[in-house]
């Protein structure tokens, strides 16, 4: 779910679009990903923009590095240590 690289921390997520509200649901043990619900529909990149905006509230500088057209995405979190990211996730879920 989390991997440290020289660019930053890679976070694997599973996204459910068209939700009632934006929220981090928890850890999906089966998929080994952070489960996230997003209000935006998966049309014309709207959900991806919403994901970046939503996750940046928690982690700061983030970008989607893979899975732009999939529910399974990998997010790059910049300027945070692995420990900082783990602590934020524990507080949120």
C-alpha atoms as a PDB file:
ATOM      1  CA  UNK A   1       0.000   0.000   0.000  1.00  0.00           C
ATOM      2  CA  UNK A   2       2.879   2.386   0.801  1.00  0.00           C
ATOM      3  CA  UNK A   3       6.268   2.449  -0.863  1.00  0.00           C
ATOM      4  CA  UNK A   4       9.134   4.879  -0.349  1.00  0.00           C
ATOM      5  CA  UNK A   5      10.931   6.180  -3.467  1.00  0.00           C
ATOM      6  CA  UNK A   6      13.393   8.987  -4.095  1.00  0.00           C
ATOM      7  CA  UNK A   7      10.537  11.104  -5.544  1.00  0.00           C
ATOM      8  CA  UNK A   8       8.320  10.601  -2.490  1.00  0.00           C
ATOM      9  CA  UNK A   9       5.860   8.101  -1.050  1.00  0.00           C
ATOM     10  CA  UNK A  10       3.702   5.993  -3.344  1.00  0.00           C
ATOM     11  CA  UNK A  11       0.227   5.333  -1.959  1.00  0.00           C
ATOM     12  CA  UNK A  12      -2.043   2.793  -3.646  1.00  0.00           C
ATOM     13  CA  UNK A  13      -5.738   3.680  -3.478  1.00  0.00           C
ATOM     14  CA  UNK A  14      -9.066   2.266  -4.658  1.00  0.00           C
ATOM     15  CA  UNK A  15     -11.594   4.931  -5.653  1.00  0.00           C
ATOM     16  CA  UNK A  16     -15.389   4.770  -5.651  1.00  0.00           C
ATOM     17  CA  UNK A  17     -16.739   7.745  -7.658  1.00  0.00           C
ATOM     18  CA  UNK A  18     -20.251   9.251  -7.467  1.00  0.00           C
ATOM     19  CA  UNK A  19     -20.329   9.002  -3.666  1.00  0.00           C
ATOM     20  CA  UNK A  20     -22.434  11.177  -1.356  1.00  0.00           C
ATOM     21  CA  UNK A  21     -19.302  12.812   0.061  1.00  0.00           C
ATOM     22  CA  UNK A  22     -15.534  12.746  -0.234  1.00  0.00           C
ATOM     23  CA  UNK A  23     -14.075  10.481   2.415  1.00  0.00           C
ATOM     24  CA  UNK A  24     -11.324   8.061   3.267  1.00  0.00           C
ATOM     25  CA  UNK A  25     -13.185   4.867   4.137  1.00  0.00           C
ATOM     26  CA  UNK A  26     -10.317   2.754   5.437  1.00  0.00           C
ATOM     27  CA  UNK A  27      -7.903   0.101   4.261  1.00  0.00           C
ATOM     28  CA  UNK A  28      -9.235  -2.473   1.834  1.00  0.00           C
ATOM     29  CA  UNK A  29      -7.413  -5.585   3.098  1.00  0.00           C
ATOM     30  CA  UNK A  30      -8.314  -7.644   0.028  1.00  0.00           C
ATOM     31  CA  UNK A  31      -6.938  -5.107  -2.456  1.00  0.00           C
ATOM     32  CA  UNK A  32      -4.197  -3.826  -0.113  1.00  0.00           C
ATOM     33  CA  UNK A  33      -5.194  -0.253  -0.958  1.00  0.00           C
ATOM     34  CA  UNK A  34      -6.610   2.771   0.836  1.00  0.00           C
ATOM     35  CA  UNK A  35     -10.337   2.924   0.075  1.00  0.00           C
ATOM     36  CA  UNK A  36     -11.573   6.395  -0.933  1.00  0.00           C
ATOM     37  CA  UNK A  37     -15.003   7.713  -1.924  1.00  0.00           C
ATOM     38  CA  UNK A  38     -15.246  10.769  -4.189  1.00  0.00           C
ATOM     39  CA  UNK A  39     -18.359  12.814  -5.074  1.00  0.00           C
ATOM     40  CA  UNK A  40     -17.238  13.586  -8.622  1.00  0.00           C
ATOM     41  CA  UNK A  41     -18.227  11.342 -11.537  1.00  0.00           C
ATOM     42  CA  UNK A  42     -15.513   9.482 -13.477  1.00  0.00           C
ATOM     43  CA  UNK A  43     -16.008  11.716 -16.523  1.00  0.00           C
ATOM     44  CA  UNK A  44     -13.420  13.889 -18.295  1.00  0.00           C
ATOM     45  CA  UNK A  45     -10.952  13.595 -15.408  1.00  0.00           C
ATOM     46  CA  UNK A  46     -13.326  15.167 -12.871  1.00  0.00           C
ATOM     47  CA  UNK A  47     -12.864  12.380 -10.324  1.00  0.00           C
ATOM     48  CA  UNK A  48      -9.069  12.526 -10.696  1.00  0.00           C
ATOM     49  CA  UNK A  49      -9.030  16.279 -10.079  1.00  0.00           C
ATOM     50  CA  UNK A  50     -11.254  15.793  -7.037  1.00  0.00           C
ATOM     51  CA  UNK A  51      -8.959  13.036  -5.707  1.00  0.00           C
ATOM     52  CA  UNK A  52      -5.885  15.270  -5.948  1.00  0.00           C
ATOM     53  CA  UNK A  53      -7.716  18.174  -4.316  1.00  0.00           C
ATOM     54  CA  UNK A  54      -9.121  15.974  -1.534  1.00  0.00           C
ATOM     55  CA  UNK A  55      -5.881  14.125  -0.728  1.00  0.00           C
ATOM     56  CA  UNK A  56      -3.804  17.319  -0.806  1.00  0.00           C
ATOM     57  CA  UNK A  57      -5.752  18.462   2.282  1.00  0.00           C
ATOM     58  CA  UNK A  58      -4.150  15.580   4.179  1.00  0.00           C
ATOM     59  CA  UNK A  59      -0.811  15.058   2.467  1.00  0.00           C
ATOM     60  CA  UNK A  60       0.108  18.360   0.790  1.00  0.00           C
ATOM     61  CA  UNK A  61       1.706  17.971  -2.642  1.00  0.00           C
ATOM     62  CA  UNK A  62       0.176  14.917  -4.378  1.00  0.00           C
ATOM     63  CA  UNK A  63      -0.221  13.682  -7.942  1.00  0.00           C
ATOM     64  CA  UNK A  64      -1.674  10.626  -9.661  1.00  0.00           C
ATOM     65  CA  UNK A  65       1.173   8.645 -11.222  1.00  0.00           C
ATOM     66  CA  UNK A  66      -0.765   5.623 -12.515  1.00  0.00           C
ATOM     67  CA  UNK A  67      -4.310   4.372 -13.000  1.00  0.00           C
ATOM     68  CA  UNK A  68      -5.861   7.554 -14.362  1.00  0.00           C
ATOM     69  CA  UNK A  69      -8.632   5.589 -16.072  1.00  0.00           C
ATOM     70  CA  UNK A  70      -8.958   2.937 -13.363  1.00  0.00           C
ATOM     71  CA  UNK A  71     -10.440   2.710  -9.881  1.00  0.00           C
ATOM     72  CA  UNK A  72      -7.017   1.444  -8.768  1.00  0.00           C
ATOM     73  CA  UNK A  73      -4.627   4.372  -8.660  1.00  0.00           C
ATOM     74  CA  UNK A  74      -1.156   5.114  -7.384  1.00  0.00           C
ATOM     75  CA  UNK A  75      -0.623   8.501  -5.781  1.00  0.00           C
ATOM     76  CA  UNK A  76       2.774  10.146  -5.306  1.00  0.00           C
ATOM     77  CA  UNK A  77       3.032  12.110  -2.056  1.00  0.00           C
ATOM     78  CA  UNK A  78       5.914  14.570  -2.139  1.00  0.00           C
ATOM     79  CA  UNK A  79       7.776  16.178   0.768  1.00  0.00           C
ATOM     80  CA  UNK A  80       6.567  13.700   3.415  1.00  0.00           C
ATOM     81  CA  UNK A  81       8.355  10.803   5.078  1.00  0.00           C
ATOM     82  CA  UNK A  82       6.920   7.308   5.181  1.00  0.00           C
ATOM     83  CA  UNK A  83       6.316   7.732   8.921  1.00  0.00           C
ATOM     84  CA  UNK A  84       4.437  11.029   8.395  1.00  0.00           C
ATOM     85  CA  UNK A  85       2.173   9.434   5.770  1.00  0.00           C
ATOM     86  CA  UNK A  86       1.515   6.401   8.001  1.00  0.00           C
ATOM     87  CA  UNK A  87       0.635   8.681  10.930  1.00  0.00           C
ATOM     88  CA  UNK A  88      -1.792  10.739   8.820  1.00  0.00           C
ATOM     89  CA  UNK A  89      -3.534   7.588   7.550  1.00  0.00           C
ATOM     90  CA  UNK A  90      -3.871   6.219  11.106  1.00  0.00           C
ATOM     91  CA  UNK A  91      -5.463   9.474  12.286  1.00  0.00           C
ATOM     92  CA  UNK A  92      -7.938   9.569   9.398  1.00  0.00           C
ATOM     93  CA  UNK A  93      -9.199   5.984   9.411  1.00  0.00           C
END
